[in-house]
Amino acid sequence: RRLQNQKQNAEAMEIFKDVDKRFPQGVYGDLARARIKSAAGDFAGAASDAKKAQATAPTDAQKQSIQALITRLEAKQDVNK
């Protein structure tokens, strides 16, 4: 996310791809996939991955922050911006 804030989106996407490869079955991999799909305009796919992440998130605070991402994705907004 810090790279995105610094307007280094291509580098951020590479990091998200690495996270997806390292943690394919966990909350971090699901969120990375959601961000990659969101950047590509696949909001339905991104929302699906975000919902998977929310289901496996260990804390209520994480579940709430992921819900905010899901809401934006369902409104067809890129969560990377």
C-alpha atoms as a PDB file:
ATOM      1  CA  ARG A   1       0.000   0.000   0.000  1.00  0.00           C
ATOM      2  CA  ARG A   2       2.876   2.366   0.684  1.00  0.00           C
ATOM      3  CA  LEU A   3       4.070   1.988  -2.916  1.00  0.00           C
ATOM      4  CA  GLN A   4       0.575   2.855  -4.120  1.00  0.00           C
ATOM      5  CA  ASN A   5       0.573   5.974  -1.966  1.00  0.00           C
ATOM      6  CA  GLN A   6       3.876   6.909  -3.608  1.00  0.00           C
ATOM      7  CA  LYS A   7       2.263   6.486  -7.065  1.00  0.00           C
ATOM      8  CA  GLN A   8       4.333   3.370  -7.794  1.00  0.00           C
ATOM      9  CA  ASN A   9       1.383   1.225  -8.855  1.00  0.00           C
ATOM     10  CA  ALA A  10       3.285  -1.169 -11.138  1.00  0.00           C
ATOM     11  CA  GLU A  11       5.680  -2.049  -8.329  1.00  0.00           C
ATOM     12  CA  ALA A  12       2.769  -2.473  -5.920  1.00  0.00           C
ATOM     13  CA  MET A  13       1.040  -4.900  -8.301  1.00  0.00           C
ATOM     14  CA  GLU A  14       4.233  -6.986  -8.477  1.00  0.00           C
ATOM     15  CA  ILE A  15       4.302  -7.166  -4.672  1.00  0.00           C
ATOM     16  CA  PHE A  16       0.623  -8.208  -4.606  1.00  0.00           C
ATOM     17  CA  LYS A  17       1.408 -10.975  -7.133  1.00  0.00           C
ATOM     18  CA  ASP A  18       4.261 -12.196  -4.921  1.00  0.00           C
ATOM     19  CA  VAL A  19       1.990 -12.193  -1.860  1.00  0.00           C
ATOM     20  CA  ASP A  20      -0.620 -14.179  -3.797  1.00  0.00           C
ATOM     21  CA  LYS A  21       2.012 -16.797  -4.711  1.00  0.00           C
ATOM     22  CA  ARG A  22       3.386 -17.031  -1.166  1.00  0.00           C
ATOM     23  CA  PHE A  23       0.020 -17.143   0.625  1.00  0.00           C
ATOM     24  CA  PRO A  24      -2.528 -18.540  -1.868  1.00  0.00           C
ATOM     25  CA  GLN A  25      -4.879 -19.935   0.772  1.00  0.00           C
ATOM     26  CA  GLY A  26      -4.894 -17.155   3.339  1.00  0.00           C
ATOM     27  CA  VAL A  27      -6.389 -13.779   4.017  1.00  0.00           C
ATOM     28  CA  TYR A  28      -3.346 -11.953   2.628  1.00  0.00           C
ATOM     29  CA  GLY A  29      -3.352 -13.903  -0.629  1.00  0.00           C
ATOM     30  CA  ASP A  30      -7.083 -13.349  -1.049  1.00  0.00           C
ATOM     31  CA  LEU A  31      -6.694  -9.610  -0.476  1.00  0.00           C
ATOM     32  CA  ALA A  32      -3.753  -9.426  -2.873  1.00  0.00           C
ATOM     33  CA  ARG A  33      -5.822 -11.172  -5.560  1.00  0.00           C
ATOM     34  CA  ALA A  34      -8.705  -8.787  -4.875  1.00  0.00           C
ATOM     35  CA  ARG A  35      -6.427  -5.779  -5.373  1.00  0.00           C
ATOM     36  CA  ILE A  36      -4.976  -7.220  -8.591  1.00  0.00           C
ATOM     37  CA  LYS A  37      -8.445  -7.933  -9.990  1.00  0.00           C
ATOM     38  CA  SER A  38      -9.714  -4.521  -8.907  1.00  0.00           C
ATOM     39  CA  ALA A  39      -6.877  -2.814 -10.765  1.00  0.00           C
ATOM     40  CA  ALA A  40      -7.801  -4.827 -13.872  1.00  0.00           C
ATOM     41  CA  GLY A  41     -11.454  -3.789 -13.610  1.00  0.00           C
ATOM     42  CA  ASP A  42     -12.740  -7.231 -12.520  1.00  0.00           C
ATOM     43  CA  PHE A  43     -14.795  -5.909  -9.623  1.00  0.00           C
ATOM     44  CA  ALA A  44     -16.996  -9.013  -9.273  1.00  0.00           C
ATOM     45  CA  GLY A  45     -13.951 -11.281  -9.040  1.00  0.00           C
ATOM     46  CA  ALA A  46     -12.257  -8.881  -6.656  1.00  0.00           C
ATOM     47  CA  ALA A  47     -15.341  -8.772  -4.430  1.00  0.00           C
ATOM     48  CA  SER A  48     -15.428 -12.576  -4.375  1.00  0.00           C
ATOM     49  CA  ASP A  49     -11.791 -12.748  -3.260  1.00  0.00           C
ATOM     50  CA  ALA A  50     -12.374 -10.024  -0.671  1.00  0.00           C
ATOM     51  CA  LYS A  51     -15.303 -12.004   0.742  1.00  0.00           C
ATOM     52  CA  LYS A  52     -13.048 -15.071   1.053  1.00  0.00           C
ATOM     53  CA  ALA A  53     -10.516 -12.917   2.892  1.00  0.00           C
ATOM     54  CA  GLN A  54     -13.203 -11.578   5.197  1.00  0.00           C
ATOM     55  CA  ALA A  55     -14.365 -15.100   6.052  1.00  0.00           C
ATOM     56  CA  THR A  56     -10.855 -16.099   7.139  1.00  0.00           C
ATOM     57  CA  ALA A  57      -9.812 -12.827   8.786  1.00  0.00           C
ATOM     58  CA  PRO A  58      -8.756 -13.498  12.386  1.00  0.00           C
ATOM     59  CA  THR A  59     -10.128 -10.339  14.021  1.00  0.00           C
ATOM     60  CA  ASP A  60     -13.355  -8.366  13.876  1.00  0.00           C
ATOM     61  CA  ALA A  61     -11.384  -5.204  13.084  1.00  0.00           C
ATOM     62  CA  GLN A  62      -9.922  -6.859   9.983  1.00  0.00           C
ATOM     63  CA  LYS A  63     -13.355  -8.127   8.966  1.00  0.00           C
ATOM     64  CA  GLN A  64     -14.750  -4.593   9.242  1.00  0.00           C
ATOM     65  CA  SER A  65     -11.970  -3.048   7.167  1.00  0.00           C
ATOM     66  CA  ILE A  66     -12.393  -5.755   4.523  1.00  0.00           C
ATOM     67  CA  GLN A  67     -16.136  -5.039   4.488  1.00  0.00           C
ATOM     68  CA  ALA A  68     -15.315  -1.460   3.486  1.00  0.00           C
ATOM     69  CA  LEU A  69     -13.332  -2.832   0.523  1.00  0.00           C
ATOM     70  CA  ILE A  70     -16.210  -5.142  -0.429  1.00  0.00           C
ATOM     71  CA  THR A  71     -18.649  -2.227  -0.370  1.00  0.00           C
ATOM     72  CA  ARG A  72     -16.413  -0.234  -2.711  1.00  0.00           C
ATOM     73  CA  LEU A  73     -15.930  -3.206  -5.040  1.00  0.00           C
ATOM     74  CA  GLU A  74     -19.673  -3.828  -5.229  1.00  0.00           C
ATOM     75  CA  ALA A  75     -20.014  -0.160  -6.257  1.00  0.00           C
ATOM     76  CA  LYS A  76     -17.440  -0.892  -9.005  1.00  0.00           C
ATOM     77  CA  GLN A  77     -14.778   1.331  -7.470  1.00  0.00           C
ATOM     78  CA  ASP A  78     -11.083   0.462  -7.691  1.00  0.00           C
ATOM     79  CA  VAL A  79      -9.894  -0.169  -4.131  1.00  0.00           C
ATOM     80  CA  ASN A  80      -6.340   0.719  -5.132  1.00  0.00           C
ATOM     81  CA  LYS A  81      -7.124   4.419  -5.499  1.00  0.00           C
END
